Amino acid sequence: MKRIHPTQMIMREIQKITKLALLLSISCLLNVQGAFAQFNISTLNNTTLTTCTSIQFGPDGRLYAGQVYVIIRVFTVERTGANDYTATYTETINHIKEMANHDDDDGSLHTDKEKRELTGIYVAGTAD
């Protein structure tokens, strides 16, 4: 039996919780009726989203999903039935990942840090 490093176990649990949070968030956003929200489990078909940290619908009607290692996936979502949604188009935004990493305090360049983490996104602007 292969031993799993404790960090890997924690990451797997975080991934499970993140997926559940994503499903619940999509359900909440897409199933509001009147003043009460019905929570139903829905999946977004035609996606392979992992390590998602935040989601938000943009002003263009598309779903923006930020992933932990600074990749943002943008989905055009089509409702195909009750509690059934499909991503008909996916775009990947990785410009932030490609930016140089700087110290938050003095602005100096961090060349020794290869990874950065995305903890949230805010989508603004217009649909044009």
Protein backbone atom coordinates (compact mmCIF):
# COMPACT_ATOMS: atom_id res chain seq x y z
CA MET A 1 0.00 0.00 0.00
CA LYS A 2 1.42 3.37 -1.04
CA ARG A 3 1.75 5.96 1.74
CA ILE A 4 0.27 9.32 1.00
CA HIS A 5 2.08 12.38 2.29
CA PRO A 6 -0.06 14.41 4.75
CA THR A 7 0.16 17.45 2.45
CA GLN A 8 -1.31 15.39 -0.42
CA MET A 9 -4.13 14.21 1.85
CA ILE A 10 -4.92 17.80 2.81
CA MET A 11 -4.84 18.93 -0.83
CA ARG A 12 -7.23 16.13 -1.80
CA GLU A 13 -9.65 17.16 0.94
CA ILE A 14 -9.40 20.79 -0.12
CA GLN A 15 -10.17 19.77 -3.70
CA LYS A 16 -13.24 17.83 -2.55
CA ILE A 17 -14.49 20.76 -0.48
CA THR A 18 -13.78 23.18 -3.33
CA LYS A 19 -15.75 21.07 -5.80
CA LEU A 20 -18.67 20.86 -3.38
CA ALA A 21 -18.56 24.62 -2.81
CA LEU A 22 -18.53 25.20 -6.57
CA LEU A 23 -21.55 22.96 -7.08
CA LEU A 24 -23.44 24.62 -4.24
CA SER A 25 -22.55 28.09 -5.49
CA ILE A 26 -23.71 27.32 -9.01
CA SER A 27 -26.90 25.80 -7.62
CA CYS A 28 -27.51 28.87 -5.49
CA LEU A 29 -26.88 31.26 -8.37
CA LEU A 30 -28.94 29.40 -10.94
CA ASN A 31 -31.88 28.17 -8.87
CA VAL A 32 -33.20 31.26 -7.10
CA GLN A 33 -36.98 31.35 -7.16
CA GLY A 34 -38.74 34.29 -5.54
CA ALA A 35 -37.30 35.15 -2.15
CA PHE A 36 -36.20 31.58 -1.41
CA ALA A 37 -33.33 29.61 -2.89
CA GLN A 38 -33.70 25.92 -3.55
CA PHE A 39 -30.47 24.01 -3.27
CA ASN A 40 -30.13 21.27 -5.81
CA ILE A 41 -26.94 19.59 -6.89
CA SER A 42 -26.06 20.53 -10.43
CA THR A 43 -22.94 19.91 -12.41
CA LEU A 44 -21.43 21.92 -15.20
CA ASN A 45 -20.93 19.37 -17.96
CA ASN A 46 -18.02 19.54 -20.39
CA THR A 47 -15.54 20.88 -17.81
CA THR A 48 -12.55 19.55 -15.91
CA LEU A 49 -12.25 22.16 -13.19
CA THR A 50 -9.89 21.43 -10.30
CA THR A 51 -8.61 23.43 -7.33
CA CYS A 52 -11.21 26.15 -7.82
CA THR A 53 -11.00 29.00 -5.30
CA SER A 54 -13.76 31.33 -6.48
CA ILE A 55 -16.50 31.70 -9.07
CA GLN A 56 -18.51 34.63 -10.32
CA PHE A 57 -20.76 35.41 -13.24
CA GLY A 58 -19.41 38.34 -15.23
CA PRO A 59 -21.38 41.17 -16.83
CA ASP A 60 -21.10 39.26 -20.12
CA GLY A 61 -23.15 36.39 -18.63
CA ARG A 62 -20.22 33.97 -18.60
CA LEU A 63 -19.03 32.05 -15.54
CA TYR A 64 -15.52 32.96 -14.33
CA ALA A 65 -13.76 30.36 -12.17
CA GLY A 66 -10.44 31.12 -10.50
CA GLN A 67 -8.14 28.21 -9.80
CA VAL A 68 -5.59 28.14 -6.98
CA TYR A 69 -2.48 28.44 -9.16
CA VAL A 70 -3.65 31.59 -10.95
CA ILE A 71 -5.52 30.19 -13.91
CA ILE A 72 -8.95 31.65 -14.64
CA ARG A 73 -11.38 29.61 -16.72
CA VAL A 74 -14.26 31.40 -18.42
CA PHE A 75 -17.28 29.31 -19.38
CA THR A 76 -20.17 30.07 -21.68
CA VAL A 77 -22.95 28.19 -19.89
CA GLU A 78 -26.09 26.81 -21.50
CA ARG A 79 -28.98 25.33 -19.55
CA THR A 80 -29.84 22.01 -21.17
CA GLY A 81 -32.53 20.88 -18.71
CA ALA A 82 -33.62 21.01 -15.09
CA ASN A 83 -30.43 21.11 -12.99
CA ASP A 84 -28.44 20.37 -16.12
CA TYR A 85 -25.88 22.84 -17.45
CA THR A 86 -23.20 22.51 -20.12
CA ALA A 87 -20.15 24.63 -20.88
CA THR A 88 -20.46 25.28 -24.60
CA TYR A 89 -17.22 27.25 -24.79
CA THR A 90 -14.22 27.54 -22.46
CA GLU A 91 -11.56 30.23 -22.45
CA THR A 92 -8.39 30.14 -20.32
CA ILE A 93 -6.90 33.33 -18.90
CA ASN A 94 -3.36 32.84 -17.64
CA HIS A 95 -1.89 36.34 -17.98
CA ILE A 96 -1.62 36.74 -14.20
CA LYS A 97 0.33 33.48 -13.93
CA GLU A 98 2.83 34.79 -16.48
CA MET A 99 3.43 38.10 -14.64
CA ALA A 100 6.58 38.57 -12.58
CA ASN A 101 6.04 38.08 -8.84
CA HIS A 102 6.85 41.12 -6.67
CA ASP A 103 7.08 41.59 -2.91
CA ASP A 104 3.92 43.18 -1.48
CA ASP A 105 5.89 45.42 0.91
CA ASP A 106 8.71 46.96 -1.11
CA GLY A 107 7.93 45.93 -4.69
CA SER A 108 11.18 44.00 -5.19
CA LEU A 109 11.17 41.20 -7.76
CA HIS A 110 10.89 37.64 -6.41
CA THR A 111 12.69 35.41 -8.91
CA ASP A 112 12.91 32.53 -6.40
CA LYS A 113 9.13 32.13 -6.16
CA GLU A 114 7.68 30.10 -9.01
CA LYS A 115 4.09 29.73 -7.83
CA ARG A 116 1.51 32.24 -6.75
CA GLU A 117 -1.99 31.58 -5.48
CA LEU A 118 -5.32 33.03 -6.47
CA THR A 119 -7.68 33.36 -3.51
CA GLY A 120 -10.51 35.27 -5.17
CA ILE A 121 -11.66 37.13 -8.25
CA TYR A 122 -13.92 40.09 -8.90
CA VAL A 123 -15.30 40.42 -12.42
CA ALA A 124 -16.26 43.93 -13.47
CA GLY A 125 -16.80 45.91 -16.63
CA THR A 126 -19.41 45.72 -19.34
CA ALA A 127 -20.56 43.04 -21.71
CA ASP A 128 -19.17 45.01 -24.67
